[in-house]
Amino acid sequence: MQKNTTVGIITGFVLMIAFMLGIGMTQEDPFYMWFANSFYGIAFTFSFGFGVPEIISYILTFFLFALTFLLGFFIGKKLFNVSNKKTKQEIDSLK
């Protein structure tokens, strides 16, 4: 696996976990329940707030978390590529 892919995966997980914790920590539950609370809270918002059927709200919530991961993945991968190009250019300019 290439380094930029690894950095992208790590960045994606960090962003997704930060998103879940940011939503879940508003509850007065133990730490290990924050992830489930964030998932169920967003599904409830889709279902009750927007009037979407229950199963579709769970699917939309899953896609929202997947989109959050993919956003972090592509941002991390792109930032690694940009920083790596800059470093190679600086090394080439020293020769």
PDB file of N, CA and C in Angstrom:
ATOM      1  N   MET A   1       0.853  -1.177   0.000  1.00  0.00           N
ATOM      2  CA  MET A   1       0.000   0.000   0.000  1.00  0.00           C
ATOM      3  C   MET A   1       0.901   1.242   0.000  1.00  0.00           C
ATOM      4  N   GLN A   2       0.514   2.204  -0.783  1.00  0.00           N
ATOM      5  CA  GLN A   2       1.305   3.427  -0.873  1.00  0.00           C
ATOM      6  C   GLN A   2       1.114   4.273   0.380  1.00  0.00           C
ATOM      7  N   LYS A   3       2.098   5.128   0.622  1.00  0.00           N
ATOM      8  CA  LYS A   3       2.044   5.968   1.822  1.00  0.00           C
ATOM      9  C   LYS A   3       0.875   6.940   1.767  1.00  0.00           C
ATOM     10  N   ASN A   4       0.591   7.492   0.586  1.00  0.00           N
ATOM     11  CA  ASN A   4      -0.507   8.460   0.508  1.00  0.00           C
ATOM     12  C   ASN A   4      -1.863   7.801   0.773  1.00  0.00           C
ATOM     13  N   THR A   5      -2.017   6.529   0.396  1.00  0.00           N
ATOM     14  CA  THR A   5      -3.253   5.810   0.694  1.00  0.00           C
ATOM     15  C   THR A   5      -3.378   5.559   2.196  1.00  0.00           C
ATOM     16  N   THR A   6      -2.276   5.192   2.826  1.00  0.00           N
ATOM     17  CA  THR A   6      -2.293   4.962   4.270  1.00  0.00           C
ATOM     18  C   THR A   6      -2.636   6.237   5.024  1.00  0.00           C
ATOM     19  N   VAL A   7      -2.031   7.346   4.617  1.00  0.00           N
ATOM     20  CA  VAL A   7      -2.325   8.635   5.252  1.00  0.00           C
ATOM     21  C   VAL A   7      -3.783   9.012   5.018  1.00  0.00           C
ATOM     22  N   GLY A   8      -4.296   8.735   3.832  1.00  0.00           N
ATOM     23  CA  GLY A   8      -5.703   9.016   3.540  1.00  0.00           C
ATOM     24  C   GLY A   8      -6.653   8.208   4.398  1.00  0.00           C
ATOM     25  N   ILE A   9      -6.357   6.926   4.598  1.00  0.00           N
ATOM     26  CA  ILE A   9      -7.212   6.077   5.428  1.00  0.00           C
ATOM     27  C   ILE A   9      -7.196   6.556   6.874  1.00  0.00           C
ATOM     28  N   ILE A  10      -6.014   6.879   7.382  1.00  0.00           N
ATOM     29  CA  ILE A  10      -5.920   7.362   8.766  1.00  0.00           C
ATOM     30  C   ILE A  10      -6.673   8.678   8.921  1.00  0.00           C
ATOM     31  N   THR A  11      -6.501   9.593   7.963  1.00  0.00           N
ATOM     32  CA  THR A  11      -7.203  10.873   8.025  1.00  0.00           C
ATOM     33  C   THR A  11      -8.716  10.678   7.942  1.00  0.00           C
ATOM     34  N   GLY A  12      -9.154   9.743   7.101  1.00  0.00           N
ATOM     35  CA  GLY A  12     -10.580   9.452   6.990  1.00  0.00           C
ATOM     36  C   GLY A  12     -11.174   8.942   8.288  1.00  0.00           C
ATOM     37  N   PHE A  13     -10.465   8.014   8.942  1.00  0.00           N
ATOM     38  CA  PHE A  13     -10.953   7.498  10.225  1.00  0.00           C
ATOM     39  C   PHE A  13     -10.958   8.581  11.299  1.00  0.00           C
ATOM     40  N   VAL A  14      -9.915   9.402  11.314  1.00  0.00           N
ATOM     41  CA  VAL A  14      -9.855  10.465  12.321  1.00  0.00           C
ATOM     42  C   VAL A  14     -11.011  11.445  12.128  1.00  0.00           C
ATOM     43  N   LEU A  15     -11.282  11.832  10.881  1.00  0.00           N
ATOM     44  CA  LEU A  15     -12.380  12.763  10.620  1.00  0.00           C
ATOM     45  C   LEU A  15     -13.728  12.143  10.965  1.00  0.00           C
ATOM     46  N   MET A  16     -13.913  10.870  10.614  1.00  0.00           N
ATOM     47  CA  MET A  16     -15.181  10.217  10.909  1.00  0.00           C
ATOM     48  C   MET A  16     -15.383  10.070  12.422  1.00  0.00           C
ATOM     49  N   ILE A  17     -14.339   9.699  13.145  1.00  0.00           N
ATOM     50  CA  ILE A  17     -14.452   9.566  14.599  1.00  0.00           C
ATOM     51  C   ILE A  17     -14.686  10.925  15.245  1.00  0.00           C
ATOM     52  N   ALA A  18     -14.014  11.961  14.748  1.00  0.00           N
ATOM     53  CA  ALA A  18     -14.221  13.304  15.291  1.00  0.00           C
ATOM     54  C   ALA A  18     -15.668  13.760  15.045  1.00  0.00           C
ATOM     55  N   PHE A  19     -16.201  13.450  13.874  1.00  0.00           N
ATOM     56  CA  PHE A  19     -17.583  13.795  13.554  1.00  0.00           C
ATOM     57  C   PHE A  19     -18.549  13.071  14.489  1.00  0.00           C
ATOM     58  N   MET A  20     -18.304  11.773  14.698  1.00  0.00           N
ATOM     59  CA  MET A  20     -19.179  10.993  15.575  1.00  0.00           C
ATOM     60  C   MET A  20     -19.074  11.459  17.020  1.00  0.00           C
ATOM     61  N   LEU A  21     -17.876  11.765  17.464  1.00  0.00           N
ATOM     62  CA  LEU A  21     -17.715  12.229  18.837  1.00  0.00           C
ATOM     63  C   LEU A  21     -18.304  13.624  19.020  1.00  0.00           C
ATOM     64  N   GLY A  22     -18.182  14.464  18.010  1.00  0.00           N
ATOM     65  CA  GLY A  22     -18.740  15.805  18.108  1.00  0.00           C
ATOM     66  C   GLY A  22     -20.243  15.800  18.263  1.00  0.00           C
ATOM     67  N   ILE A  23     -20.883  14.849  17.643  1.00  0.00           N
ATOM     68  CA  ILE A  23     -22.337  14.743  17.769  1.00  0.00           C
ATOM     69  C   ILE A  23     -22.720  13.953  19.020  1.00  0.00           C
ATOM     70  N   GLY A  24     -21.995  12.874  19.296  1.00  0.00           N
ATOM     71  CA  GLY A  24     -22.351  11.982  20.392  1.00  0.00           C
ATOM     72  C   GLY A  24     -22.046  12.514  21.771  1.00  0.00           C
ATOM     73  N   MET A  25     -21.073  13.410  21.886  1.00  0.00           N
ATOM     74  CA  MET A  25     -20.699  13.869  23.218  1.00  0.00           C
ATOM     75  C   MET A  25     -21.684  14.880  23.793  1.00  0.00           C
ATOM     76  N   THR A  26     -22.721  15.206  23.060  1.00  0.00           N
ATOM     77  CA  THR A  26     -23.739  16.096  23.602  1.00  0.00           C
ATOM     78  C   THR A  26     -24.683  15.357  24.546  1.00  0.00           C
ATOM     79  N   GLN A  27     -24.590  14.047  24.567  1.00  0.00           N
ATOM     80  CA  GLN A  27     -25.433  13.232  25.450  1.00  0.00           C
ATOM     81  C   GLN A  27     -24.721  13.006  26.783  1.00  0.00           C
ATOM     82  N   GLU A  28     -25.498  12.751  27.806  1.00  0.00           N
ATOM     83  CA  GLU A  28     -24.926  12.471  29.119  1.00  0.00           C
ATOM     84  C   GLU A  28     -24.804  10.970  29.325  1.00  0.00           C
ATOM     85  N   ASP A  29     -24.182  10.314  28.388  1.00  0.00           N
ATOM     86  CA  ASP A  29     -23.969   8.880  28.448  1.00  0.00           C
ATOM     87  C   ASP A  29     -22.472   8.595  28.562  1.00  0.00           C
ATOM     88  N   PRO A  30     -22.102   7.360  28.893  1.00  0.00           N
ATOM     89  CA  PRO A  30     -20.677   7.013  28.926  1.00  0.00           C
ATOM     90  C   PRO A  30     -20.023   7.158  27.554  1.00  0.00           C
ATOM     91  N   PHE A  31     -18.719   7.232  27.565  1.00  0.00           N
ATOM     92  CA  PHE A  31     -17.946   7.463  26.343  1.00  0.00           C
ATOM     93  C   PHE A  31     -18.238   6.433  25.258  1.00  0.00           C
ATOM     94  N   TYR A  32     -18.347   5.174  25.636  1.00  0.00           N
ATOM     95  CA  TYR A  32     -18.517   4.115  24.637  1.00  0.00           C
ATOM     96  C   TYR A  32     -19.891   4.163  23.963  1.00  0.00           C
ATOM     97  N   MET A  33     -20.824   4.932  24.485  1.00  0.00           N
ATOM     98  CA  MET A  33     -22.144   5.048  23.868  1.00  0.00           C
ATOM     99  C   MET A  33     -22.247   6.229  22.905  1.00  0.00           C
ATOM    100  N   TRP A  34     -21.238   7.086  22.871  1.00  0.00           N
ATOM    101  CA  TRP A  34     -21.303   8.280  22.024  1.00  0.00           C
ATOM    102  C   TRP A  34     -21.432   7.933  20.545  1.00  0.00           C
ATOM    103  N   PHE A  35     -20.761   6.870  20.113  1.00  0.00           N
ATOM    104  CA  PHE A  35     -20.809   6.505  18.704  1.00  0.00           C
ATOM    105  C   PHE A  35     -22.206   6.062  18.292  1.00  0.00           C
ATOM    106  N   ALA A  36     -22.820   5.223  19.115  1.00  0.00           N
ATOM    107  CA  ALA A  36     -24.180   4.763  18.816  1.00  0.00           C
ATOM    108  C   ALA A  36     -25.175   5.919  18.894  1.00  0.00           C
ATOM    109  N   ASN A  37     -24.989   6.800  19.880  1.00  0.00           N
ATOM    110  CA  ASN A  37     -25.903   7.941  20.007  1.00  0.00           C
ATOM    111  C   ASN A  37     -25.826   8.871  18.807  1.00  0.00           C
ATOM    112  N   SER A  38     -24.639   9.053  18.273  1.00  0.00           N
ATOM    113  CA  SER A  38     -24.522   9.923  17.098  1.00  0.00           C
ATOM    114  C   SER A  38     -25.215   9.293  15.894  1.00  0.00           C
ATOM    115  N   PHE A  39     -25.055   7.986  15.730  1.00  0.00           N
ATOM    116  CA  PHE A  39     -25.707   7.305  14.603  1.00  0.00           C
ATOM    117  C   PHE A  39     -27.225   7.365  14.741  1.00  0.00           C
ATOM    118  N   TYR A  40     -27.720   7.015  15.915  1.00  0.00           N
ATOM    119  CA  TYR A  40     -29.169   7.012  16.123  1.00  0.00           C
ATOM    120  C   TYR A  40     -29.744   8.435  16.108  1.00  0.00           C
ATOM    121  N   GLY A  41     -28.977   9.392  16.580  1.00  0.00           N
ATOM    122  CA  GLY A  41     -29.446  10.778  16.572  1.00  0.00           C
ATOM    123  C   GLY A  41     -29.627  11.324  15.175  1.00  0.00           C
ATOM    124  N   ILE A  42     -28.672  11.022  14.295  1.00  0.00           N
ATOM    125  CA  ILE A  42     -28.798  11.498  12.908  1.00  0.00           C
ATOM    126  C   ILE A  42     -29.925  10.755  12.204  1.00  0.00           C
ATOM    127  N   ALA A  43     -30.049   9.446  12.461  1.00  0.00           N
ATOM    128  CA  ALA A  43     -31.157   8.687  11.858  1.00  0.00           C
ATOM    129  C   ALA A  43     -32.502   9.230  12.334  1.00  0.00           C
ATOM    130  N   PHE A  44     -32.592   9.582  13.606  1.00  0.00           N
ATOM    131  CA  PHE A  44     -33.821  10.162  14.131  1.00  0.00           C
ATOM    132  C   PHE A  44     -34.118  11.503  13.462  1.00  0.00           C
ATOM    133  N   THR A  45     -33.078  12.306  13.242  1.00  0.00           N
ATOM    134  CA  THR A  45     -33.272  13.602  12.589  1.00  0.00           C
ATOM    135  C   THR A  45     -33.804  13.425  11.176  1.00  0.00           C
ATOM    136  N   PHE A  46     -33.234  12.468  10.442  1.00  0.00           N
ATOM    137  CA  PHE A  46     -33.746  12.208   9.091  1.00  0.00           C
ATOM    138  C   PHE A  46     -35.192  11.726   9.143  1.00  0.00           C
ATOM    139  N   SER A  47     -35.494  10.833  10.080  1.00  0.00           N
ATOM    140  CA  SER A  47     -36.809  10.221  10.131  1.00  0.00           C
ATOM    141  C   SER A  47     -37.878  11.188  10.644  1.00  0.00           C
ATOM    142  N   PHE A  48     -37.638  11.768  11.787  1.00  0.00           N
ATOM    143  CA  PHE A  48     -38.645  12.631  12.403  1.00  0.00           C
ATOM    144  C   PHE A  48     -38.619  14.038  11.807  1.00  0.00           C
ATOM    145  N   GLY A  49     -37.432  14.575  11.619  1.00  0.00           N
ATOM    146  CA  GLY A  49     -37.316  15.954  11.145  1.00  0.00           C
ATOM    147  C   GLY A  49     -37.689  16.133   9.685  1.00  0.00           C
ATOM    148  N   PHE A  50     -37.245  15.184   8.851  1.00  0.00           N
ATOM    149  CA  PHE A  50     -37.494  15.319   7.412  1.00  0.00           C
ATOM    150  C   PHE A  50     -38.610  14.422   6.913  1.00  0.00           C
ATOM    151  N   GLY A  51     -39.140  13.557   7.764  1.00  0.00           N
ATOM    152  CA  GLY A  51     -40.250  12.694   7.375  1.00  0.00           C
ATOM    153  C   GLY A  51     -39.856  11.526   6.492  1.00  0.00           C
ATOM    154  N   VAL A  52     -38.596  11.114   6.554  1.00  0.00           N
ATOM    155  CA  VAL A  52     -38.114  10.001   5.746  1.00  0.00           C
ATOM    156  C   VAL A  52     -38.482   8.694   6.459  1.00  0.00           C
ATOM    157  N   PRO A  53     -38.845   7.645   5.723  1.00  0.00           N
ATOM    158  CA  PRO A  53     -39.114   6.359   6.376  1.00  0.00           C
ATOM    159  C   PRO A  53     -37.896   5.861   7.168  1.00  0.00           C
ATOM    160  N   GLU A  54     -38.161   5.044   8.181  1.00  0.00           N
ATOM    161  CA  GLU A  54     -37.124   4.647   9.143  1.00  0.00           C
ATOM    162  C   GLU A  54     -35.944   3.934   8.487  1.00  0.00           C
ATOM    163  N   ILE A  55     -36.198   2.964   7.633  1.00  0.00           N
ATOM    164  CA  ILE A  55     -35.095   2.211   7.026  1.00  0.00           C
ATOM    165  C   ILE A  55     -34.260   3.106   6.116  1.00  0.00           C
ATOM    166  N   ILE A  56     -34.918   4.022   5.433  1.00  0.00           N
ATOM    167  CA  ILE A  56     -34.173   4.946   4.558  1.00  0.00           C
ATOM    168  C   ILE A  56     -33.343   5.912   5.391  1.00  0.00           C
ATOM    169  N   SER A  57     -33.834   6.295   6.560  1.00  0.00           N
ATOM    170  CA  SER A  57     -33.055   7.195   7.408  1.00  0.00           C
ATOM    171  C   SER A  57     -31.784   6.512   7.917  1.00  0.00           C
ATOM    172  N   TYR A  58     -31.847   5.209   8.213  1.00  0.00           N
ATOM    173  CA  TYR A  58     -30.638   4.487   8.616  1.00  0.00           C
ATOM    174  C   TYR A  58     -29.653   4.365   7.450  1.00  0.00           C
ATOM    175  N   ILE A  59     -30.172   4.138   6.263  1.00  0.00           N
ATOM    176  CA  ILE A  59     -29.308   4.058   5.076  1.00  0.00           C
ATOM    177  C   ILE A  59     -28.655   5.408   4.804  1.00  0.00           C
ATOM    178  N   LEU A  60     -29.428   6.484   4.905  1.00  0.00           N
ATOM    179  CA  LEU A  60     -28.866   7.827   4.712  1.00  0.00           C
ATOM    180  C   LEU A  60     -27.800   8.148   5.764  1.00  0.00           C
ATOM    181  N   THR A  61     -28.027   7.722   6.985  1.00  0.00           N
ATOM    182  CA  THR A  61     -27.046   7.948   8.040  1.00  0.00           C
ATOM    183  C   THR A  61     -25.762   7.184   7.754  1.00  0.00           C
ATOM    184  N   PHE A  62     -25.881   5.936   7.293  1.00  0.00           N
ATOM    185  CA  PHE A  62     -24.690   5.171   6.923  1.00  0.00           C
ATOM    186  C   PHE A  62     -23.931   5.874   5.812  1.00  0.00           C
ATOM    187  N   PHE A  63     -24.653   6.359   4.793  1.00  0.00           N
ATOM    188  CA  PHE A  63     -23.992   7.054   3.692  1.00  0.00           C
ATOM    189  C   PHE A  63     -23.365   8.373   4.153  1.00  0.00           C
ATOM    190  N   LEU A  64     -23.958   9.020   5.119  1.00  0.00           N
ATOM    191  CA  LEU A  64     -23.375  10.252   5.657  1.00  0.00           C
ATOM    192  C   LEU A  64     -22.039   9.968   6.340  1.00  0.00           C
ATOM    193  N   PHE A  65     -21.978   8.890   7.124  1.00  0.00           N
ATOM    194  CA  PHE A  65     -20.710   8.523   7.758  1.00  0.00           C
ATOM    195  C   PHE A  65     -19.685   8.062   6.734  1.00  0.00           C
ATOM    196  N   ALA A  66     -20.137   7.335   5.706  1.00  0.00           N
ATOM    197  CA  ALA A  66     -19.223   6.916   4.644  1.00  0.00           C
ATOM    198  C   ALA A  66     -18.695   8.130   3.881  1.00  0.00           C
ATOM    199  N   LEU A  67     -19.559   9.104   3.637  1.00  0.00           N
ATOM    200  CA  LEU A  67     -19.138  10.326   2.958  1.00  0.00           C
ATOM    201  C   LEU A  67     -18.134  11.106   3.800  1.00  0.00           C
ATOM    202  N   THR A  68     -18.341  11.117   5.106  1.00  0.00           N
ATOM    203  CA  THR A  68     -17.394  11.780   6.001  1.00  0.00           C
ATOM    204  C   THR A  68     -16.029  11.101   5.934  1.00  0.00           C
ATOM    205  N   PHE A  69     -16.025   9.765   5.924  1.00  0.00           N
ATOM    206  CA  PHE A  69     -14.762   9.033   5.803  1.00  0.00           C
ATOM    207  C   PHE A  69     -14.094   9.331   4.459  1.00  0.00           C
ATOM    208  N   LEU A  70     -14.861   9.285   3.383  1.00  0.00           N
ATOM    209  CA  LEU A  70     -14.280   9.528   2.058  1.00  0.00           C
ATOM    210  C   LEU A  70     -13.740  10.948   1.919  1.00  0.00           C
ATOM    211  N   LEU A  71     -14.428  11.901   2.501  1.00  0.00           N
ATOM    212  CA  LEU A  71     -13.942  13.277   2.482  1.00  0.00           C
ATOM    213  C   LEU A  71     -12.587  13.376   3.181  1.00  0.00           C
ATOM    214  N   GLY A  72     -12.472  12.773   4.352  1.00  0.00           N
ATOM    215  CA  GLY A  72     -11.198  12.766   5.069  1.00  0.00           C
ATOM    216  C   GLY A  72     -10.124  12.002   4.315  1.00  0.00           C
ATOM    217  N   PHE A  73     -10.504  10.907   3.664  1.00  0.00           N
ATOM    218  CA  PHE A  73      -9.556  10.117   2.886  1.00  0.00           C
ATOM    219  C   PHE A  73      -8.949  10.941   1.754  1.00  0.00           C
ATOM    220  N   PHE A  74      -9.814  11.595   0.978  1.00  0.00           N
ATOM    221  CA  PHE A  74      -9.298  12.363  -0.160  1.00  0.00           C
ATOM    222  C   PHE A  74      -8.526  13.600   0.281  1.00  0.00           C
ATOM    223  N   ILE A  75      -8.950  14.230   1.367  1.00  0.00           N
ATOM    224  CA  ILE A  75      -8.201  15.390   1.883  1.00  0.00           C
ATOM    225  C   ILE A  75      -6.818  14.945   2.364  1.00  0.00           C
ATOM    226  N   GLY A  76      -6.746  13.863   3.122  1.00  0.00           N
ATOM    227  CA  GLY A  76      -5.469  13.369   3.614  1.00  0.00           C
ATOM    228  C   GLY A  76      -4.547  12.929   2.499  1.00  0.00           C
ATOM    229  N   LYS A  77      -5.106  12.244   1.508  1.00  0.00           N
ATOM    230  CA  LYS A  77      -4.307  11.780   0.371  1.00  0.00           C
ATOM    231  C   LYS A  77      -3.771  12.958  -0.432  1.00  0.00           C
ATOM    232  N   LYS A  78      -4.616  13.944  -0.663  1.00  0.00           N
ATOM    233  CA  LYS A  78      -4.196  15.117  -1.438  1.00  0.00           C
ATOM    234  C   LYS A  78      -3.137  15.930  -0.690  1.00  0.00           C
ATOM    235  N   LEU A  79      -3.338  16.130   0.615  1.00  0.00           N
ATOM    236  CA  LEU A  79      -2.352  16.884   1.391  1.00  0.00           C
ATOM    237  C   LEU A  79      -1.003  16.169   1.430  1.00  0.00           C
ATOM    238  N   PHE A  80      -1.024  14.846   1.519  1.00  0.00           N
ATOM    239  CA  PHE A  80       0.231  14.105   1.499  1.00  0.00           C
ATOM    240  C   PHE A  80       0.922  14.256   0.154  1.00  0.00           C
ATOM    241  N   ASN A  81       0.161  14.171  -0.941  1.00  0.00           N
ATOM    242  CA  ASN A  81       0.759  14.327  -2.270  1.00  0.00           C
ATOM    243  C   ASN A  81       1.342  15.716  -2.454  1.00  0.00           C
ATOM    244  N   VAL A  82       0.631  16.745  -1.992  1.00  0.00           N
ATOM    245  CA  VAL A  82       1.121  18.113  -2.137  1.00  0.00           C
ATOM    246  C   VAL A  82       2.389  18.313  -1.315  1.00  0.00           C
ATOM    247  N   SER A  83       2.398  17.826  -0.084  1.00  0.00           N
ATOM    248  CA  SER A  83       3.583  18.002   0.759  1.00  0.00           C
ATOM    249  C   SER A  83       4.751  17.179   0.231  1.00  0.00           C
ATOM    250  N   ASN A  84       4.478  16.018  -0.345  1.00  0.00           N
ATOM    251  CA  ASN A  84       5.538  15.180  -0.886  1.00  0.00           C
ATOM    252  C   ASN A  84       6.144  15.809  -2.133  1.00  0.00           C
ATOM    253  N   LYS A  85       5.331  16.420  -3.003  1.00  0.00           N
ATOM    254  CA  LYS A  85       5.852  17.102  -4.197  1.00  0.00           C
ATOM    255  C   LYS A  85       6.724  18.276  -3.800  1.00  0.00           C
ATOM    256  N   LYS A  86       6.275  19.016  -2.796  1.00  0.00           N
ATOM    257  CA  LYS A  86       7.027  20.174  -2.349  1.00  0.00           C
ATOM    258  C   LYS A  86       8.388  19.741  -1.808  1.00  0.00           C
ATOM    259  N   THR A  87       8.421  18.644  -1.073  1.00  0.00           N
ATOM    260  CA  THR A  87       9.672  18.154  -0.518  1.00  0.00           C
ATOM    261  C   THR A  87      10.609  17.695  -1.636  1.00  0.00           C
ATOM    262  N   LYS A  88      10.072  17.009  -2.648  1.00  0.00           N
ATOM    263  CA  LYS A  88      10.907  16.568  -3.774  1.00  0.00           C
ATOM    264  C   LYS A  88      11.464  17.755  -4.545  1.00  0.00           C
ATOM    265  N   GLN A  89      10.657  18.789  -4.722  1.00  0.00           N
ATOM    266  CA  GLN A  89      11.138  19.995  -5.416  1.00  0.00           C
ATOM    267  C   GLN A  89      12.247  20.674  -4.628  1.00  0.00           C
ATOM    268  N   GLU A  90      12.119  20.714  -3.307  1.00  0.00           N
ATOM    269  CA  GLU A  90      13.173  21.332  -2.486  1.00  0.00           C
ATOM    270  C   GLU A  90      14.456  20.517  -2.552  1.00  0.00           C
ATOM    271  N   ILE A  91      14.355  19.198  -2.589  1.00  0.00           N
ATOM    272  CA  ILE A  91      15.549  18.357  -2.680  1.00  0.00           C
ATOM    273  C   ILE A  91      16.204  18.531  -4.041  1.00  0.00           C
ATOM    274  N   ASP A  92      15.395  18.596  -5.111  1.00  0.00           N
ATOM    275  CA  ASP A  92      15.938  18.786  -6.452  1.00  0.00           C
ATOM    276  C   ASP A  92      16.598  20.140  -6.606  1.00  0.00           C
ATOM    277  N   SER A  93      16.082  21.157  -5.945  1.00  0.00           N
ATOM    278  CA  SER A  93      16.669  22.495  -6.067  1.00  0.00           C
ATOM    279  C   SER A  93      18.019  22.581  -5.339  1.00  0.00           C
ATOM    280  N   LEU A  94      18.264  21.707  -4.366  1.00  0.00           N
ATOM    281  CA  LEU A  94      19.531  21.710  -3.652  1.00  0.00           C
ATOM    282  C   LEU A  94      20.654  21.058  -4.442  1.00  0.00           C
ATOM    283  N   LYS A  95      20.316  20.262  -5.436  1.00  0.00           N
ATOM    284  CA  LYS A  95      21.352  19.539  -6.221  1.00  0.00           C
ATOM    285  C   LYS A  95      22.074  20.447  -7.172  1.00  0.00           C
TER     286      LYS A  95
END
